[in-house]
C-alpha cells in the first residue's frame, strides 16, 4: 500500500501567543514572503505601509526582528528605505544591526572571471543576469525553459571555483561558501537583542530551508509560505497577504 500524501502543515499560532510565551525573535524572508514574486527582481510591488509596519513590529519585539534576503542590502534599501531594523543580505553574506552597524567581516565579491562566465552564459542563452554585491544570479522566470540549463551551468561553475550554489524559484545563484540564511540566523542569535529569544523564521523558497534548520536548532519555529513542500517547516501560511495578516495578529 502506498503511503498517504503528507498533510500540509497547519497555520502557526498567533504571533501574540508566541510573544506572550517569552522573548521571541522574528526572521523574515523578503521576496515571496513580504512581497509577491514578480517576473523580474526589480518589478516587485512593495505593499503600501510595509516599511512602517516593519518598524512597528521591530518595536513590538524589542528590536528582535531581522529581514534575511537573497537580495543585497543596497537592493533591499532601494525598496524599503534605510529602516532601523536588522538585515542580512546576499543570503547572509552581509549582515547589519538595527543601528546600521556591520555584524560581520567585509564580505568578498565573486572573482571577475566568474562574473564574466555568468554574463557570457546569460548573453548566449537568454537568461537574465543579475550581479549582486557578493554573488551572481541567473533568472528564468520569464523563460522557464531555461531553468534547467541555468541550473546545470551554475552548478558546474560553482564546483570548478569552490563556490556555493543556490537554487530558488526560477533563479540559480552563486555565492561564497558559508553565505546562507542559516548562518545569518546563528550570527544574529549570538548577539543582543536576539540572544536568548525563541526564533521564528518565515520564508517561501528552497534557500529558506537553511533558516528553518537554524531556528529549529535554537528551539524555534519554521513557517513556510506557499505550497512548496518544506519538510523542516512546522507551520505554513498561504501567501504574502496571509503573512501580513499574521504579523499584525
Protein backbone atom coordinates (compact mmCIF):
# COMPACT_ATOMS: atom_id res chain seq x y z
CA UNK A 1 0.00 0.00 0.00
CA UNK A 2 1.29 3.43 -0.92
CA UNK A 3 1.93 5.88 1.88
CA UNK A 4 -0.76 8.56 2.08
CA UNK A 5 0.11 12.02 0.85
CA UNK A 6 1.52 14.03 3.77
CA UNK A 7 -0.87 16.59 5.13
CA UNK A 8 0.19 20.24 4.66
CA UNK A 9 1.48 21.97 7.79
CA UNK A 10 -1.18 23.76 9.87
CA UNK A 11 -1.24 27.54 10.30
CA UNK A 12 1.04 28.82 13.06
CA UNK A 13 -0.09 30.03 16.47
CA UNK A 14 -0.90 33.74 16.56
CA UNK A 15 2.16 35.96 16.89
CA UNK A 16 0.76 37.47 20.10
CA UNK A 17 0.68 33.97 21.62
CA UNK A 18 4.32 33.34 20.68
CA UNK A 19 5.35 36.68 22.17
CA UNK A 20 3.34 36.04 25.33
CA UNK A 21 5.20 32.76 25.87
CA UNK A 22 8.55 34.54 26.22
CA UNK A 23 11.06 36.61 24.27
CA UNK A 24 10.67 35.93 20.54
CA UNK A 25 12.89 36.80 17.58
CA UNK A 26 11.48 37.02 14.07
CA UNK A 27 13.41 36.42 10.84
CA UNK A 28 11.61 37.31 7.61
CA UNK A 29 12.46 36.48 4.02
CA UNK A 30 11.56 39.25 1.56
CA UNK A 31 10.55 38.07 -1.96
CA UNK A 32 7.62 35.67 -1.81
CA UNK A 33 7.16 36.33 1.91
CA UNK A 34 6.72 40.07 2.45
CA UNK A 35 6.16 40.90 -1.23
CA UNK A 36 4.74 38.89 -4.10
CA UNK A 37 7.20 37.34 -6.55
CA UNK A 38 7.42 39.32 -9.80
CA UNK A 39 8.63 38.49 -13.30
CA UNK A 40 11.96 40.20 -12.57
CA UNK A 41 13.54 41.28 -9.26
CA UNK A 42 13.05 44.98 -9.99
CA UNK A 43 9.37 44.55 -10.91
CA UNK A 44 8.12 43.79 -7.39
CA UNK A 45 5.39 45.91 -5.85
CA UNK A 46 6.04 46.73 -2.20
CA UNK A 47 2.73 46.90 -0.29
CA UNK A 48 1.84 50.35 0.96
CA UNK A 49 2.85 50.80 4.56
CA UNK A 50 5.14 47.75 4.68
CA UNK A 51 8.20 49.70 5.86
CA UNK A 52 6.27 51.44 8.65
CA UNK A 53 4.69 48.15 9.70
CA UNK A 54 8.12 46.51 9.96
CA UNK A 55 9.40 49.32 12.17
CA UNK A 56 6.38 48.94 14.46
CA UNK A 57 6.85 45.16 14.53
CA UNK A 58 10.50 45.57 15.48
CA UNK A 59 9.48 47.80 18.39
CA UNK A 60 6.88 45.23 19.44
CA UNK A 61 9.65 42.60 19.51
CA UNK A 62 12.05 44.94 21.33
CA UNK A 63 14.38 45.00 18.32
CA UNK A 64 14.42 41.25 17.69
CA UNK A 65 13.38 41.46 14.04
CA UNK A 66 15.58 40.85 11.00
CA UNK A 67 14.98 40.64 7.27
CA UNK A 68 17.03 37.79 5.78
CA UNK A 69 17.04 38.03 1.98
CA UNK A 70 18.83 36.84 -1.09
CA UNK A 71 18.93 40.47 -2.24
CA UNK A 72 21.94 42.50 -1.22
CA UNK A 73 21.49 45.21 1.40
CA UNK A 74 21.58 48.12 -1.04
CA UNK A 75 18.86 46.46 -3.11
CA UNK A 76 16.68 45.98 -0.03
CA UNK A 77 17.17 49.63 0.90
CA UNK A 78 16.01 50.72 -2.55
CA UNK A 79 12.65 49.03 -1.91
CA UNK A 80 12.22 49.61 1.84
CA UNK A 81 14.40 52.61 2.64
CA UNK A 82 17.07 52.65 5.33
CA UNK A 83 14.99 51.09 8.09
CA UNK A 84 16.15 50.90 11.72
CA UNK A 85 15.86 47.12 11.75
CA UNK A 86 18.43 44.36 11.43
CA UNK A 87 19.03 42.95 7.95
CA UNK A 88 21.01 40.18 6.29
CA UNK A 89 21.54 40.38 2.54
CA UNK A 90 23.03 38.17 -0.16
CA UNK A 91 21.78 35.03 1.65
CA UNK A 92 23.55 36.04 4.83
CA UNK A 93 26.88 37.12 3.31
CA UNK A 94 26.35 40.65 4.64
CA UNK A 95 24.69 41.49 7.95
CA UNK A 96 24.00 44.67 9.90
CA UNK A 97 22.26 45.54 13.13
CA UNK A 98 19.27 47.81 13.54
CA UNK A 99 21.61 50.77 14.06
CA UNK A 100 23.41 50.07 10.78
CA UNK A 101 26.49 48.54 12.40
CA UNK A 102 28.08 45.78 10.32
CA UNK A 103 27.96 42.44 12.14
CA UNK A 104 30.50 40.59 10.02
CA UNK A 105 33.81 40.99 8.28
CA UNK A 106 33.62 42.59 4.87
CA UNK A 107 32.16 40.02 2.51
CA UNK A 108 34.10 39.44 -0.69
CA UNK A 109 32.53 39.75 -4.14
CA UNK A 110 32.93 36.94 -6.64
CA UNK A 111 36.03 36.94 -8.82
CA UNK A 112 35.69 38.90 -12.05
CA UNK A 113 36.41 35.76 -14.09
CA UNK A 114 33.36 34.06 -12.56
CA UNK A 115 31.17 37.10 -13.21
CA UNK A 116 32.35 37.16 -16.83
CA UNK A 117 31.43 33.50 -17.33
CA UNK A 118 27.94 34.03 -15.92
CA UNK A 119 27.41 37.12 -18.07
CA UNK A 120 28.56 35.26 -21.17
CA UNK A 121 26.17 32.40 -20.46
CA UNK A 122 23.30 34.85 -19.96
CA UNK A 123 24.02 36.54 -23.30
CA UNK A 124 24.16 33.25 -25.18
CA UNK A 125 21.19 31.55 -23.50
CA UNK A 126 18.77 34.42 -22.99
CA UNK A 127 18.65 34.03 -19.20
CA UNK A 128 18.55 37.26 -17.20
CA UNK A 129 21.81 38.07 -15.42
CA UNK A 130 21.82 39.80 -12.05
CA UNK A 131 25.05 40.91 -10.46
CA UNK A 132 24.97 41.15 -6.68
CA UNK A 133 27.42 42.72 -4.28
CA UNK A 134 28.53 39.28 -3.09
CA UNK A 135 27.22 36.94 -5.77
CA UNK A 136 25.65 36.47 -9.18
CA UNK A 137 22.32 35.07 -10.35
CA UNK A 138 20.58 33.82 -13.48
CA UNK A 139 16.83 34.36 -13.62
CA UNK A 140 14.50 32.33 -15.84
CA UNK A 141 11.00 33.27 -14.65
CA UNK A 142 10.21 34.95 -17.97
CA UNK A 143 11.71 31.96 -19.85
CA UNK A 144 11.02 28.83 -17.75
CA UNK A 145 12.58 26.57 -20.36
CA UNK A 146 15.97 27.99 -19.36
CA UNK A 147 15.70 26.95 -15.70
CA UNK A 148 17.31 23.55 -16.19
CA UNK A 149 20.28 24.63 -18.28
CA UNK A 150 20.90 27.62 -16.00
CA UNK A 151 20.99 25.32 -13.01
CA UNK A 152 23.40 22.88 -14.64
CA UNK A 153 25.72 25.69 -15.78
CA UNK A 154 25.81 27.36 -12.36
CA UNK A 155 26.33 24.06 -10.54
CA UNK A 156 29.32 23.32 -12.77
CA UNK A 157 30.75 26.80 -12.29
CA UNK A 158 30.35 26.50 -8.52
CA UNK A 159 32.17 23.17 -8.49
CA UNK A 160 35.08 24.49 -10.56
CA UNK A 161 35.58 27.60 -8.44
CA UNK A 162 34.75 26.27 -4.97
CA UNK A 163 31.61 28.39 -4.63
CA UNK A 164 28.20 27.75 -3.09
CA UNK A 165 25.31 27.08 -5.48
CA UNK A 166 21.79 28.14 -4.53
CA UNK A 167 18.63 27.16 -6.38
CA UNK A 168 15.43 29.15 -5.94
CA UNK A 169 12.21 29.67 -7.87
CA UNK A 170 13.44 30.22 -11.43
CA UNK A 171 16.76 31.52 -10.17
CA UNK A 172 20.21 29.92 -9.89
CA UNK A 173 22.82 31.73 -7.82
CA UNK A 174 26.46 31.64 -6.85
CA UNK A 175 27.86 32.88 -3.55
CA UNK A 176 30.88 32.44 -1.34
CA UNK A 177 30.80 29.31 0.86
CA UNK A 178 29.12 29.91 4.20
CA UNK A 179 26.75 32.56 2.85
CA UNK A 180 23.38 31.09 3.75
CA UNK A 181 20.35 32.13 5.72
CA UNK A 182 21.04 29.63 8.47
CA UNK A 183 24.44 31.22 9.13
CA UNK A 184 22.72 34.60 9.33
CA UNK A 185 20.26 33.30 11.93
CA UNK A 186 23.07 31.81 14.03
CA UNK A 187 25.03 35.09 13.85
CA UNK A 188 22.07 37.19 14.98
CA UNK A 189 21.16 34.73 17.74
CA UNK A 190 24.66 35.11 19.17
CA UNK A 191 24.25 38.87 19.67
CA UNK A 192 21.91 41.18 21.61
CA UNK A 193 19.00 41.70 21.45
CA UNK A 194 18.36 38.32 19.76
CA UNK A 195 20.38 36.14 22.15
CA UNK A 196 18.21 34.01 24.41
CA UNK A 197 14.99 34.54 22.43
CA UNK A 198 12.91 31.88 20.69
CA UNK A 199 13.45 32.40 16.94
CA UNK A 200 10.81 32.21 14.22
CA UNK A 201 11.76 32.08 10.53
CA UNK A 202 9.25 32.72 7.73
CA UNK A 203 10.20 32.02 4.10
CA UNK A 204 8.90 30.63 0.85
CA UNK A 205 11.84 29.24 -1.10
CA UNK A 206 14.43 26.46 -1.03
CA UNK A 207 17.10 28.87 0.23
CA UNK A 208 14.95 29.47 3.31
CA UNK A 209 15.38 25.83 4.39
CA UNK A 210 18.75 26.77 5.91
CA UNK A 211 16.94 29.36 8.03
CA UNK A 212 14.33 26.78 9.03
CA UNK A 213 17.03 24.38 10.16
CA UNK A 214 18.82 27.09 12.13
CA UNK A 215 15.80 28.28 14.12
CA UNK A 216 14.87 24.71 14.95
CA UNK A 217 18.39 24.19 16.32
CA UNK A 218 17.59 27.07 18.68
CA UNK A 219 14.26 25.54 19.68
CA UNK A 220 12.32 27.86 17.39
CA UNK A 221 9.59 27.77 14.78
CA UNK A 222 9.80 27.42 10.99
CA UNK A 223 6.90 28.75 8.90
CA UNK A 224 6.72 28.04 5.16
CA UNK A 225 4.91 30.36 2.75
CA UNK A 226 3.04 28.91 -0.23
CA UNK A 227 2.59 25.36 -1.43
CA UNK A 228 6.24 24.30 -1.87
CA UNK A 229 6.99 21.15 0.16
CA UNK A 230 9.12 22.23 3.11
CA UNK A 231 9.78 19.25 5.40
CA UNK A 232 11.53 21.41 8.02
CA UNK A 233 8.56 23.74 8.47
CA UNK A 234 6.16 23.02 11.32
CA UNK A 235 3.60 25.54 10.08
CA UNK A 236 2.54 27.26 6.85
CA UNK A 237 0.91 30.42 5.56
CA UNK A 238 -0.68 30.65 2.13
CA UNK A 239 0.95 33.76 0.65
CA UNK A 240 2.42 37.19 1.47
CA UNK A 241 -1.06 38.54 2.24
CA UNK A 242 -1.51 35.82 4.87
CA UNK A 243 1.95 36.64 6.25
CA UNK A 244 0.95 40.29 6.55
CA UNK A 245 -2.22 39.38 8.41
CA UNK A 246 -0.29 37.05 10.75
CA UNK A 247 2.27 39.72 11.58
CA UNK A 248 -0.49 42.03 12.74
CA UNK A 249 -2.22 39.39 14.91
